[in-house]
Amino acid sequence: MKLWSSTTSPYVRKVRAAAAHHGLDGQIELMKVGISFLPDAPQNRDNPLGRVPALQLDNGQWLYNSNVIAEYLDSIGKNSRLYPQDDSRWAALNLHALAEGMLENTVAVIGEKMLRPENEWWTARHDQMHDRNCRTAAVLAEHLQPFGTALNIGTLYAVCAVDFLLFRDKLTRASDIPGIQALKAWAEEMNALHSCLAATKPYVSQ
């Protein structure tokens, strides 16, 4: 398998962590991109959405979305399922949706700040996204409580979201989010407990 990848993307991290959880990471060739926002980014030739991650299966088929890819890997893995099949499924998916929403609120803002001069930023929209993330962080923390440090797709993705927001703090204003320090402490505990998370923490490649 081949994966269009990035060392900073939380969407890619979710997929890579799912692969590592199941011991599938050695079966996946990573094809790294730089700034995925650029129109000539190399993954565009394989993914019409122009996004990472995108996974090519051994039969040549492409999977285009991190949610699809992570659940596919979970379906072929041999370790404990990340996508619960019991009554906890909807709580885990709901937690996943909160993490996904925080990232969706943030990624477009980061792209604008990285690629456009400051005098062209849509600052009112940025403030709106930040306010949404502030509200969501409190709900995220509440929904994490029943799971503690258990690993499932919801808690895994919540770690990805929290770590990414703090990793890009200068662009996301994550340190201004109420309750972010408690979420950071929880994410650090998760990283220490689960090797699939520790091995996929975001960094800027050289």
N, C-alpha and C. Protein backbone atom coordinates (compact mmCIF):
# COMPACT_ATOMS: atom_id res chain seq x y z
N MET A 1 0.85 -1.19 0.00
CA MET A 1 0.00 0.00 0.00
C MET A 1 0.88 1.25 0.00
N LYS A 2 0.33 2.34 -0.55
CA LYS A 2 1.04 3.61 -0.59
C LYS A 2 0.14 4.69 -0.03
N LEU A 3 0.74 5.58 0.77
CA LEU A 3 -0.02 6.62 1.44
C LEU A 3 0.59 7.99 1.16
N TRP A 4 -0.22 8.88 0.55
CA TRP A 4 0.20 10.28 0.47
C TRP A 4 0.13 10.84 1.89
N SER A 5 1.25 11.39 2.35
CA SER A 5 1.43 11.63 3.77
C SER A 5 2.03 13.01 4.04
N SER A 6 1.92 13.43 5.27
CA SER A 6 2.51 14.68 5.75
C SER A 6 2.89 14.46 7.21
N THR A 7 3.97 15.09 7.64
CA THR A 7 4.40 14.94 9.03
C THR A 7 3.66 15.86 9.98
N THR A 8 2.82 16.75 9.44
CA THR A 8 2.10 17.68 10.30
C THR A 8 0.59 17.45 10.29
N SER A 9 0.04 16.85 9.25
CA SER A 9 -1.41 16.73 9.10
C SER A 9 -2.03 15.84 10.17
N PRO A 10 -3.05 16.34 10.89
CA PRO A 10 -3.73 15.48 11.87
C PRO A 10 -4.56 14.39 11.19
N TYR A 11 -4.99 14.64 9.95
CA TYR A 11 -5.74 13.63 9.22
C TYR A 11 -4.84 12.45 8.85
N VAL A 12 -3.64 12.77 8.41
CA VAL A 12 -2.66 11.72 8.14
C VAL A 12 -2.29 11.00 9.42
N ARG A 13 -2.12 11.74 10.50
CA ARG A 13 -1.73 11.11 11.76
C ARG A 13 -2.77 10.09 12.20
N LYS A 14 -4.04 10.42 12.04
CA LYS A 14 -5.08 9.47 12.41
C LYS A 14 -4.90 8.15 11.67
N VAL A 15 -4.65 8.25 10.37
CA VAL A 15 -4.46 7.05 9.54
C VAL A 15 -3.20 6.30 9.96
N ARG A 16 -2.11 7.02 10.13
CA ARG A 16 -0.85 6.37 10.50
C ARG A 16 -0.95 5.73 11.88
N ALA A 17 -1.65 6.38 12.81
CA ALA A 17 -1.81 5.80 14.14
C ALA A 17 -2.67 4.54 14.08
N ALA A 18 -3.70 4.57 13.25
CA ALA A 18 -4.54 3.37 13.07
C ALA A 18 -3.70 2.23 12.49
N ALA A 19 -2.87 2.55 11.50
CA ALA A 19 -2.01 1.53 10.91
C ALA A 19 -1.03 0.98 11.94
N ALA A 20 -0.42 1.87 12.73
CA ALA A 20 0.55 1.43 13.74
C ALA A 20 -0.12 0.58 14.82
N HIS A 21 -1.33 0.95 15.19
CA HIS A 21 -2.07 0.18 16.20
C HIS A 21 -2.22 -1.27 15.77
N HIS A 22 -2.43 -1.48 14.49
CA HIS A 22 -2.65 -2.83 13.97
C HIS A 22 -1.38 -3.47 13.40
N GLY A 23 -0.23 -2.78 13.54
CA GLY A 23 1.01 -3.34 13.02
C GLY A 23 1.07 -3.36 11.50
N LEU A 24 0.31 -2.48 10.87
CA LEU A 24 0.27 -2.44 9.41
C LEU A 24 1.20 -1.38 8.82
N ASP A 25 1.84 -0.59 9.67
CA ASP A 25 2.64 0.53 9.17
C ASP A 25 3.81 0.04 8.31
N GLY A 26 4.32 -1.14 8.59
CA GLY A 26 5.41 -1.66 7.77
C GLY A 26 4.97 -2.08 6.38
N GLN A 27 3.67 -2.16 6.16
CA GLN A 27 3.14 -2.54 4.85
C GLN A 27 2.76 -1.33 4.00
N ILE A 28 3.01 -0.12 4.53
CA ILE A 28 2.58 1.10 3.85
C ILE A 28 3.79 1.95 3.49
N GLU A 29 3.93 2.27 2.23
CA GLU A 29 4.98 3.18 1.77
C GLU A 29 4.48 4.62 1.90
N LEU A 30 5.22 5.44 2.63
CA LEU A 30 4.82 6.83 2.81
C LEU A 30 5.37 7.69 1.67
N MET A 31 4.49 8.44 1.02
CA MET A 31 4.88 9.39 -0.02
C MET A 31 4.57 10.78 0.52
N LYS A 32 5.61 11.50 0.93
CA LYS A 32 5.43 12.74 1.66
C LYS A 32 5.23 13.94 0.73
N VAL A 33 4.35 14.84 1.17
CA VAL A 33 4.14 16.10 0.46
C VAL A 33 4.60 17.23 1.38
N GLY A 34 4.78 18.41 0.80
CA GLY A 34 5.13 19.58 1.58
C GLY A 34 3.87 20.28 2.05
N ILE A 35 3.60 21.45 1.49
CA ILE A 35 2.37 22.19 1.82
C ILE A 35 1.26 21.68 0.92
N SER A 36 0.30 20.98 1.51
CA SER A 36 -0.73 20.34 0.70
C SER A 36 -1.72 21.32 0.11
N PHE A 37 -1.70 22.59 0.57
CA PHE A 37 -2.61 23.59 0.03
C PHE A 37 -2.22 24.03 -1.39
N LEU A 38 -0.97 23.82 -1.76
CA LEU A 38 -0.50 24.35 -3.03
C LEU A 38 -1.17 23.64 -4.22
N PRO A 39 -1.53 24.40 -5.26
CA PRO A 39 -2.25 23.80 -6.40
C PRO A 39 -1.46 22.75 -7.15
N ASP A 40 -0.13 22.82 -7.08
CA ASP A 40 0.69 21.84 -7.78
C ASP A 40 1.23 20.75 -6.85
N ALA A 41 0.60 20.59 -5.67
CA ALA A 41 1.03 19.55 -4.73
C ALA A 41 0.92 18.19 -5.41
N PRO A 42 1.90 17.30 -5.20
CA PRO A 42 1.98 16.07 -5.99
C PRO A 42 0.81 15.11 -5.80
N GLN A 43 0.13 15.17 -4.63
CA GLN A 43 -0.96 14.22 -4.42
C GLN A 43 -2.15 14.50 -5.32
N ASN A 44 -2.17 15.70 -5.95
CA ASN A 44 -3.30 16.04 -6.81
C ASN A 44 -3.46 15.08 -7.98
N ARG A 45 -2.36 14.48 -8.40
CA ARG A 45 -2.46 13.58 -9.55
C ARG A 45 -3.17 12.27 -9.20
N ASP A 46 -3.22 11.93 -7.91
CA ASP A 46 -3.84 10.69 -7.48
C ASP A 46 -5.16 10.90 -6.75
N ASN A 47 -5.34 12.07 -6.16
CA ASN A 47 -6.54 12.36 -5.39
C ASN A 47 -7.24 13.58 -5.99
N PRO A 48 -8.41 13.43 -6.60
CA PRO A 48 -9.08 14.57 -7.20
C PRO A 48 -9.45 15.66 -6.20
N LEU A 49 -9.53 15.28 -4.92
CA LEU A 49 -9.83 16.26 -3.87
C LEU A 49 -8.61 17.10 -3.52
N GLY A 50 -7.42 16.67 -3.94
CA GLY A 50 -6.20 17.41 -3.66
C GLY A 50 -5.82 17.42 -2.20
N ARG A 51 -6.18 16.38 -1.48
CA ARG A 51 -5.95 16.35 -0.04
C ARG A 51 -5.08 15.17 0.36
N VAL A 52 -4.52 15.26 1.57
CA VAL A 52 -3.90 14.12 2.21
C VAL A 52 -4.71 13.81 3.47
N PRO A 53 -4.77 12.52 3.82
CA PRO A 53 -4.13 11.37 3.19
C PRO A 53 -4.95 10.84 2.02
N ALA A 54 -4.28 10.04 1.20
CA ALA A 54 -4.92 9.20 0.20
C ALA A 54 -4.14 7.90 0.18
N LEU A 55 -4.85 6.79 0.22
CA LEU A 55 -4.20 5.48 0.33
C LEU A 55 -4.47 4.67 -0.93
N GLN A 56 -3.38 4.17 -1.53
CA GLN A 56 -3.52 3.25 -2.65
C GLN A 56 -3.39 1.83 -2.14
N LEU A 57 -4.42 1.03 -2.41
CA LEU A 57 -4.40 -0.37 -2.01
C LEU A 57 -3.51 -1.17 -2.94
N ASP A 58 -3.22 -2.39 -2.56
CA ASP A 58 -2.34 -3.23 -3.37
C ASP A 58 -2.95 -3.56 -4.73
N ASN A 59 -4.28 -3.47 -4.84
CA ASN A 59 -4.93 -3.72 -6.13
C ASN A 59 -5.01 -2.48 -7.01
N GLY A 60 -4.41 -1.37 -6.53
CA GLY A 60 -4.39 -0.13 -7.30
C GLY A 60 -5.49 0.84 -6.97
N GLN A 61 -6.51 0.41 -6.24
CA GLN A 61 -7.62 1.30 -5.88
C GLN A 61 -7.17 2.35 -4.88
N TRP A 62 -7.70 3.57 -5.03
CA TRP A 62 -7.38 4.66 -4.11
C TRP A 62 -8.54 4.88 -3.14
N LEU A 63 -8.21 5.09 -1.87
CA LEU A 63 -9.15 5.55 -0.86
C LEU A 63 -8.79 6.98 -0.52
N TYR A 64 -9.78 7.89 -0.48
CA TYR A 64 -9.50 9.32 -0.49
C TYR A 64 -9.69 10.07 0.82
N ASN A 65 -10.27 9.50 1.80
CA ASN A 65 -10.66 10.25 3.00
C ASN A 65 -10.10 9.57 4.24
N SER A 66 -9.64 10.36 5.21
CA SER A 66 -9.01 9.77 6.39
C SER A 66 -9.97 8.86 7.16
N ASN A 67 -11.25 9.21 7.17
CA ASN A 67 -12.22 8.37 7.88
C ASN A 67 -12.37 7.02 7.18
N VAL A 68 -12.46 7.05 5.86
CA VAL A 68 -12.57 5.81 5.09
C VAL A 68 -11.31 4.97 5.26
N ILE A 69 -10.15 5.63 5.16
CA ILE A 69 -8.87 4.90 5.24
C ILE A 69 -8.70 4.27 6.62
N ALA A 70 -8.96 5.05 7.67
CA ALA A 70 -8.76 4.53 9.03
C ALA A 70 -9.68 3.35 9.30
N GLU A 71 -10.94 3.43 8.86
CA GLU A 71 -11.85 2.31 9.11
C GLU A 71 -11.48 1.11 8.26
N TYR A 72 -10.98 1.35 7.05
CA TYR A 72 -10.51 0.23 6.23
C TYR A 72 -9.37 -0.50 6.94
N LEU A 73 -8.38 0.27 7.42
CA LEU A 73 -7.25 -0.35 8.11
C LEU A 73 -7.72 -1.09 9.36
N ASP A 74 -8.70 -0.50 10.05
CA ASP A 74 -9.24 -1.14 11.24
C ASP A 74 -9.92 -2.46 10.89
N SER A 75 -10.52 -2.51 9.70
CA SER A 75 -11.25 -3.72 9.30
C SER A 75 -10.32 -4.87 8.94
N ILE A 76 -9.09 -4.55 8.51
CA ILE A 76 -8.16 -5.62 8.13
C ILE A 76 -7.13 -5.88 9.22
N GLY A 77 -7.14 -5.08 10.28
CA GLY A 77 -6.18 -5.26 11.37
C GLY A 77 -6.54 -6.43 12.26
N LYS A 78 -5.60 -6.85 13.07
CA LYS A 78 -5.77 -8.01 13.94
C LYS A 78 -5.90 -7.63 15.41
N ASN A 79 -5.57 -6.39 15.77
CA ASN A 79 -5.64 -5.98 17.17
C ASN A 79 -7.04 -5.45 17.51
N SER A 80 -7.21 -4.94 18.71
CA SER A 80 -8.52 -4.47 19.16
C SER A 80 -9.06 -3.41 18.21
N ARG A 81 -10.36 -3.46 17.96
CA ARG A 81 -10.98 -2.56 17.00
C ARG A 81 -11.00 -1.13 17.53
N LEU A 82 -10.61 -0.20 16.67
CA LEU A 82 -10.70 1.22 17.01
C LEU A 82 -12.12 1.74 16.82
N TYR A 83 -12.84 1.16 15.89
CA TYR A 83 -14.24 1.53 15.65
C TYR A 83 -15.10 0.51 16.40
N PRO A 84 -15.62 0.88 17.56
CA PRO A 84 -16.36 -0.09 18.38
C PRO A 84 -17.57 -0.66 17.63
N GLN A 85 -17.84 -1.91 17.90
CA GLN A 85 -18.99 -2.58 17.30
C GLN A 85 -20.09 -2.84 18.33
N ASP A 86 -19.92 -2.29 19.54
CA ASP A 86 -20.93 -2.46 20.59
C ASP A 86 -21.64 -1.14 20.84
N ASP A 87 -22.30 -1.01 21.98
CA ASP A 87 -23.08 0.18 22.26
C ASP A 87 -22.24 1.44 22.42
N SER A 88 -20.93 1.29 22.60
CA SER A 88 -20.07 2.47 22.75
C SER A 88 -19.72 3.10 21.39
N ARG A 89 -20.15 2.45 20.30
CA ARG A 89 -19.79 2.94 18.97
C ARG A 89 -20.21 4.40 18.76
N TRP A 90 -21.44 4.73 19.13
CA TRP A 90 -21.95 6.07 18.80
C TRP A 90 -21.28 7.14 19.66
N ALA A 91 -20.93 6.80 20.89
CA ALA A 91 -20.19 7.77 21.72
C ALA A 91 -18.80 8.02 21.14
N ALA A 92 -18.15 6.95 20.66
CA ALA A 92 -16.82 7.10 20.06
C ALA A 92 -16.90 7.90 18.76
N LEU A 93 -17.90 7.63 17.94
CA LEU A 93 -18.05 8.37 16.68
C LEU A 93 -18.45 9.81 16.94
N ASN A 94 -19.22 10.05 17.98
CA ASN A 94 -19.60 11.42 18.31
C ASN A 94 -18.38 12.22 18.78
N LEU A 95 -17.52 11.57 19.56
CA LEU A 95 -16.27 12.20 19.97
C LEU A 95 -15.40 12.47 18.75
N HIS A 96 -15.34 11.52 17.84
CA HIS A 96 -14.61 11.70 16.58
C HIS A 96 -15.15 12.91 15.83
N ALA A 97 -16.47 13.08 15.80
CA ALA A 97 -17.08 14.20 15.08
C ALA A 97 -16.68 15.55 15.70
N LEU A 98 -16.57 15.59 17.02
CA LEU A 98 -16.14 16.83 17.68
C LEU A 98 -14.71 17.18 17.31
N ALA A 99 -13.83 16.18 17.33
CA ALA A 99 -12.44 16.42 16.94
C ALA A 99 -12.36 16.85 15.48
N GLU A 100 -13.12 16.18 14.63
CA GLU A 100 -13.15 16.52 13.20
C GLU A 100 -13.60 17.95 12.98
N GLY A 101 -14.64 18.35 13.72
CA GLY A 101 -15.15 19.70 13.57
C GLY A 101 -14.15 20.76 13.99
N MET A 102 -13.43 20.51 15.06
CA MET A 102 -12.42 21.48 15.49
C MET A 102 -11.34 21.63 14.43
N LEU A 103 -10.95 20.53 13.82
CA LEU A 103 -9.94 20.60 12.77
C LEU A 103 -10.48 21.30 11.54
N GLU A 104 -11.72 21.01 11.16
CA GLU A 104 -12.31 21.68 10.00
C GLU A 104 -12.42 23.18 10.24
N ASN A 105 -12.72 23.57 11.49
CA ASN A 105 -12.77 24.99 11.82
C ASN A 105 -11.42 25.66 11.65
N THR A 106 -10.36 24.88 11.77
CA THR A 106 -9.02 25.44 11.89
C THR A 106 -8.19 25.39 10.62
N VAL A 107 -8.32 24.32 9.85
CA VAL A 107 -7.39 24.09 8.74
C VAL A 107 -7.47 25.19 7.68
N ALA A 108 -8.67 25.64 7.34
CA ALA A 108 -8.79 26.69 6.33
C ALA A 108 -8.16 28.00 6.82
N VAL A 109 -8.29 28.27 8.11
CA VAL A 109 -7.67 29.47 8.69
C VAL A 109 -6.15 29.38 8.58
N ILE A 110 -5.60 28.21 8.89
CA ILE A 110 -4.16 28.03 8.79
C ILE A 110 -3.68 28.23 7.35
N GLY A 111 -4.41 27.66 6.40
CA GLY A 111 -4.04 27.83 5.00
C GLY A 111 -4.01 29.28 4.58
N GLU A 112 -5.01 30.03 5.01
CA GLU A 112 -5.05 31.45 4.66
C GLU A 112 -3.90 32.21 5.29
N LYS A 113 -3.60 31.92 6.54
CA LYS A 113 -2.53 32.63 7.23
C LYS A 113 -1.16 32.27 6.66
N MET A 114 -1.02 31.05 6.18
CA MET A 114 0.27 30.62 5.63
C MET A 114 0.52 31.17 4.23
N LEU A 115 -0.55 31.34 3.46
CA LEU A 115 -0.39 31.62 2.03
C LEU A 115 -0.81 33.02 1.60
N ARG A 116 -1.44 33.78 2.49
CA ARG A 116 -1.88 35.12 2.09
C ARG A 116 -1.27 36.16 3.03
N PRO A 117 -1.01 37.38 2.54
CA PRO A 117 -0.49 38.44 3.41
C PRO A 117 -1.50 38.80 4.48
N GLU A 118 -1.01 39.24 5.62
CA GLU A 118 -1.87 39.47 6.77
C GLU A 118 -2.98 40.48 6.49
N ASN A 119 -2.68 41.49 5.66
CA ASN A 119 -3.71 42.50 5.37
C ASN A 119 -4.87 41.96 4.54
N GLU A 120 -4.74 40.72 4.05
CA GLU A 120 -5.82 40.09 3.28
C GLU A 120 -6.55 39.02 4.07
N TRP A 121 -6.19 38.82 5.33
CA TRP A 121 -6.85 37.79 6.13
C TRP A 121 -8.29 38.17 6.43
N TRP A 122 -9.15 37.16 6.45
CA TRP A 122 -10.57 37.36 6.81
C TRP A 122 -10.65 37.19 8.33
N THR A 123 -10.30 38.24 9.05
CA THR A 123 -10.12 38.12 10.50
C THR A 123 -11.43 37.86 11.24
N ALA A 124 -12.53 38.40 10.75
CA ALA A 124 -13.81 38.16 11.42
C ALA A 124 -14.16 36.67 11.37
N ARG A 125 -13.87 36.04 10.24
CA ARG A 125 -14.11 34.61 10.11
C ARG A 125 -13.17 33.83 11.01
N HIS A 126 -11.92 34.26 11.10
CA HIS A 126 -10.97 33.59 11.99
C HIS A 126 -11.46 33.64 13.44
N ASP A 127 -11.96 34.79 13.85
CA ASP A 127 -12.47 34.92 15.22
C ASP A 127 -13.68 34.01 15.44
N GLN A 128 -14.52 33.90 14.42
CA GLN A 128 -15.68 33.01 14.53
C GLN A 128 -15.25 31.56 14.71
N MET A 129 -14.25 31.12 13.92
CA MET A 129 -13.76 29.76 14.04
C MET A 129 -13.13 29.51 15.41
N HIS A 130 -12.40 30.51 15.91
CA HIS A 130 -11.78 30.38 17.23
C HIS A 130 -12.86 30.27 18.31
N ASP A 131 -13.91 31.07 18.22
CA ASP A 131 -14.99 31.00 19.20
C ASP A 131 -15.66 29.63 19.16
N ARG A 132 -15.83 29.08 17.97
CA ARG A 132 -16.42 27.75 17.87
C ARG A 132 -15.52 26.70 18.53
N ASN A 133 -14.22 26.83 18.32
CA ASN A 133 -13.30 25.87 18.94
C ASN A 133 -13.29 26.00 20.46
N CYS A 134 -13.44 27.22 20.96
CA CYS A 134 -13.50 27.42 22.41
C CYS A 134 -14.72 26.71 22.99
N ARG A 135 -15.86 26.84 22.32
CA ARG A 135 -17.07 26.17 22.79
C ARG A 135 -16.93 24.64 22.67
N THR A 136 -16.36 24.20 21.57
CA THR A 136 -16.26 22.77 21.32
C THR A 136 -15.29 22.10 22.27
N ALA A 137 -14.22 22.79 22.66
CA ALA A 137 -13.23 22.19 23.55
C ALA A 137 -13.86 21.74 24.86
N ALA A 138 -14.79 22.53 25.38
CA ALA A 138 -15.46 22.16 26.63
C ALA A 138 -16.31 20.91 26.44
N VAL A 139 -17.00 20.83 25.31
CA VAL A 139 -17.83 19.66 25.03
C VAL A 139 -16.95 18.44 24.78
N LEU A 140 -15.82 18.64 24.09
CA LEU A 140 -14.88 17.55 23.84
C LEU A 140 -14.39 16.96 25.16
N ALA A 141 -14.00 17.83 26.09
CA ALA A 141 -13.51 17.37 27.39
C ALA A 141 -14.58 16.56 28.12
N GLU A 142 -15.82 17.01 28.03
CA GLU A 142 -16.92 16.29 28.68
C GLU A 142 -17.12 14.90 28.07
N HIS A 143 -17.04 14.82 26.74
CA HIS A 143 -17.27 13.55 26.06
C HIS A 143 -16.09 12.58 26.20
N LEU A 144 -14.92 13.11 26.57
CA LEU A 144 -13.76 12.25 26.80
C LEU A 144 -13.87 11.49 28.11
N GLN A 145 -14.56 12.04 29.08
CA GLN A 145 -14.53 11.50 30.44
C GLN A 145 -14.92 10.03 30.53
N PRO A 146 -15.97 9.57 29.84
CA PRO A 146 -16.32 8.15 29.97
C PRO A 146 -15.25 7.20 29.47
N PHE A 147 -14.39 7.67 28.58
CA PHE A 147 -13.38 6.79 27.98
C PHE A 147 -12.06 6.80 28.74
N GLY A 148 -11.79 7.85 29.50
CA GLY A 148 -10.51 7.92 30.21
C GLY A 148 -9.35 7.89 29.23
N THR A 149 -8.47 6.90 29.37
CA THR A 149 -7.32 6.77 28.48
C THR A 149 -7.46 5.56 27.55
N ALA A 150 -8.68 5.03 27.42
CA ALA A 150 -8.91 3.93 26.49
C ALA A 150 -8.72 4.42 25.06
N LEU A 151 -8.24 3.54 24.19
CA LEU A 151 -7.98 3.91 22.80
C LEU A 151 -9.12 3.43 21.91
N ASN A 152 -9.74 4.38 21.23
CA ASN A 152 -10.69 4.08 20.17
C ASN A 152 -10.58 5.22 19.15
N ILE A 153 -11.33 5.16 18.09
CA ILE A 153 -11.16 6.16 17.04
C ILE A 153 -11.49 7.57 17.53
N GLY A 154 -12.38 7.68 18.52
CA GLY A 154 -12.71 8.99 19.07
C GLY A 154 -11.59 9.57 19.89
N THR A 155 -11.06 8.79 20.82
CA THR A 155 -9.97 9.30 21.66
C THR A 155 -8.70 9.49 20.84
N LEU A 156 -8.45 8.58 19.91
CA LEU A 156 -7.28 8.71 19.04
C LEU A 156 -7.32 10.04 18.27
N TYR A 157 -8.49 10.33 17.71
CA TYR A 157 -8.61 11.54 16.90
C TYR A 157 -8.60 12.80 17.76
N ALA A 158 -9.13 12.68 18.97
CA ALA A 158 -9.07 13.83 19.88
C ALA A 158 -7.63 14.19 20.21
N VAL A 159 -6.78 13.18 20.41
CA VAL A 159 -5.35 13.45 20.62
C VAL A 159 -4.77 14.14 19.41
N CYS A 160 -5.09 13.65 18.22
CA CYS A 160 -4.59 14.27 16.99
C CYS A 160 -5.00 15.74 16.91
N ALA A 161 -6.25 16.03 17.26
CA ALA A 161 -6.75 17.40 17.17
C ALA A 161 -6.06 18.30 18.19
N VAL A 162 -6.00 17.86 19.44
CA VAL A 162 -5.39 18.68 20.49
C VAL A 162 -3.92 18.94 20.20
N ASP A 163 -3.20 17.88 19.87
CA ASP A 163 -1.77 18.05 19.58
C ASP A 163 -1.54 18.97 18.39
N PHE A 164 -2.37 18.85 17.36
CA PHE A 164 -2.20 19.68 16.18
C PHE A 164 -2.48 21.15 16.48
N LEU A 165 -3.55 21.42 17.18
CA LEU A 165 -3.88 22.80 17.52
C LEU A 165 -2.75 23.46 18.31
N LEU A 166 -2.17 22.73 19.23
CA LEU A 166 -1.07 23.27 20.02
C LEU A 166 0.22 23.34 19.21
N PHE A 167 0.44 22.38 18.35
CA PHE A 167 1.62 22.37 17.48
C PHE A 167 1.63 23.61 16.58
N ARG A 168 0.45 24.03 16.14
CA ARG A 168 0.32 25.21 15.26
C ARG A 168 -0.22 26.42 16.03
N ASP A 169 0.16 26.51 17.30
CA ASP A 169 -0.43 27.52 18.19
C ASP A 169 -0.34 28.94 17.63
N LYS A 170 0.75 29.29 16.98
CA LYS A 170 0.90 30.65 16.46
C LYS A 170 -0.16 30.97 15.40
N LEU A 171 -0.66 29.94 14.75
CA LEU A 171 -1.68 30.12 13.72
C LEU A 171 -3.08 29.82 14.23
N THR A 172 -3.19 29.00 15.27
CA THR A 172 -4.51 28.55 15.73
C THR A 172 -5.00 29.26 16.99
N ARG A 173 -4.10 29.92 17.72
CA ARG A 173 -4.43 30.56 19.01
C ARG A 173 -4.94 29.52 20.00
N ALA A 174 -4.44 28.30 19.90
CA ALA A 174 -4.92 27.23 20.75
C ALA A 174 -4.69 27.51 22.23
N SER A 175 -3.59 28.18 22.55
CA SER A 175 -3.28 28.44 23.96
C SER A 175 -4.30 29.37 24.61
N ASP A 176 -5.13 30.04 23.80
CA ASP A 176 -6.18 30.91 24.33
C ASP A 176 -7.49 30.17 24.56
N ILE A 177 -7.58 28.91 24.19
CA ILE A 177 -8.82 28.15 24.36
C ILE A 177 -8.98 27.76 25.83
N PRO A 178 -10.08 28.10 26.46
CA PRO A 178 -10.29 27.69 27.86
C PRO A 178 -10.24 26.17 28.00
N GLY A 179 -9.53 25.71 29.01
CA GLY A 179 -9.45 24.28 29.26
C GLY A 179 -8.42 23.55 28.44
N ILE A 180 -7.65 24.27 27.61
CA ILE A 180 -6.72 23.58 26.71
C ILE A 180 -5.59 22.90 27.48
N GLN A 181 -5.21 23.43 28.64
CA GLN A 181 -4.12 22.81 29.39
C GLN A 181 -4.53 21.44 29.93
N ALA A 182 -5.78 21.30 30.34
CA ALA A 182 -6.26 20.00 30.80
C ALA A 182 -6.31 19.01 29.64
N LEU A 183 -6.73 19.48 28.47
CA LEU A 183 -6.74 18.62 27.29
C LEU A 183 -5.32 18.25 26.88
N LYS A 184 -4.40 19.20 27.01
CA LYS A 184 -3.00 18.91 26.69
C LYS A 184 -2.46 17.83 27.62
N ALA A 185 -2.76 17.93 28.91
CA ALA A 185 -2.27 16.94 29.87
C ALA A 185 -2.84 15.56 29.55
N TRP A 186 -4.13 15.51 29.19
CA TRP A 186 -4.73 14.23 28.82
C TRP A 186 -4.07 13.66 27.56
N ALA A 187 -3.85 14.52 26.55
CA ALA A 187 -3.21 14.07 25.31
C ALA A 187 -1.80 13.55 25.58
N GLU A 188 -1.07 14.22 26.45
CA GLU A 188 0.28 13.77 26.79
C GLU A 188 0.24 12.39 27.45
N GLU A 189 -0.76 12.17 28.30
CA GLU A 189 -0.91 10.86 28.94
C GLU A 189 -1.22 9.79 27.89
N MET A 190 -2.09 10.13 26.95
CA MET A 190 -2.42 9.18 25.87
C MET A 190 -1.19 8.86 25.03
N ASN A 191 -0.40 9.88 24.71
CA ASN A 191 0.83 9.65 23.94
C ASN A 191 1.79 8.74 24.67
N ALA A 192 1.83 8.87 25.99
CA ALA A 192 2.74 8.04 26.78
C ALA A 192 2.24 6.60 26.88
N LEU A 193 0.94 6.41 26.86
CA LEU A 193 0.37 5.09 27.04
C LEU A 193 0.28 4.28 25.75
N HIS A 194 0.10 4.96 24.63
CA HIS A 194 -0.19 4.28 23.37
C HIS A 194 0.91 4.59 22.35
N SER A 195 1.69 3.58 22.03
CA SER A 195 2.85 3.79 21.15
C SER A 195 2.45 4.26 19.76
N CYS A 196 1.26 3.89 19.29
CA CYS A 196 0.83 4.32 17.96
C CYS A 196 0.65 5.84 17.90
N LEU A 197 0.35 6.45 19.03
CA LEU A 197 0.24 7.91 19.09
C LEU A 197 1.61 8.55 19.28
N ALA A 198 2.41 7.97 20.15
CA ALA A 198 3.76 8.52 20.39
C ALA A 198 4.57 8.55 19.11
N ALA A 199 4.41 7.52 18.27
CA ALA A 199 5.22 7.40 17.06
C ALA A 199 4.77 8.30 15.93
N THR A 200 3.61 8.95 16.09
CA THR A 200 3.06 9.73 14.97
C THR A 200 2.83 11.19 15.32
N LYS A 201 3.45 11.67 16.38
CA LYS A 201 3.27 13.07 16.77
C LYS A 201 3.74 14.00 15.66
N PRO A 202 3.08 15.15 15.49
CA PRO A 202 3.43 16.04 14.37
C PRO A 202 4.80 16.70 14.52
N TYR A 203 5.45 16.88 13.38
CA TYR A 203 6.72 17.61 13.36
C TYR A 203 6.93 18.15 11.94
N VAL A 204 7.74 19.17 11.85
CA VAL A 204 8.07 19.77 10.56
C VAL A 204 9.28 19.03 10.00
N SER A 205 9.11 18.37 8.87
CA SER A 205 10.22 17.62 8.28
C SER A 205 11.21 18.58 7.63
N GLN A 206 12.45 18.17 7.58
CA GLN A 206 13.51 19.01 7.00
C GLN A 206 13.74 18.66 5.53
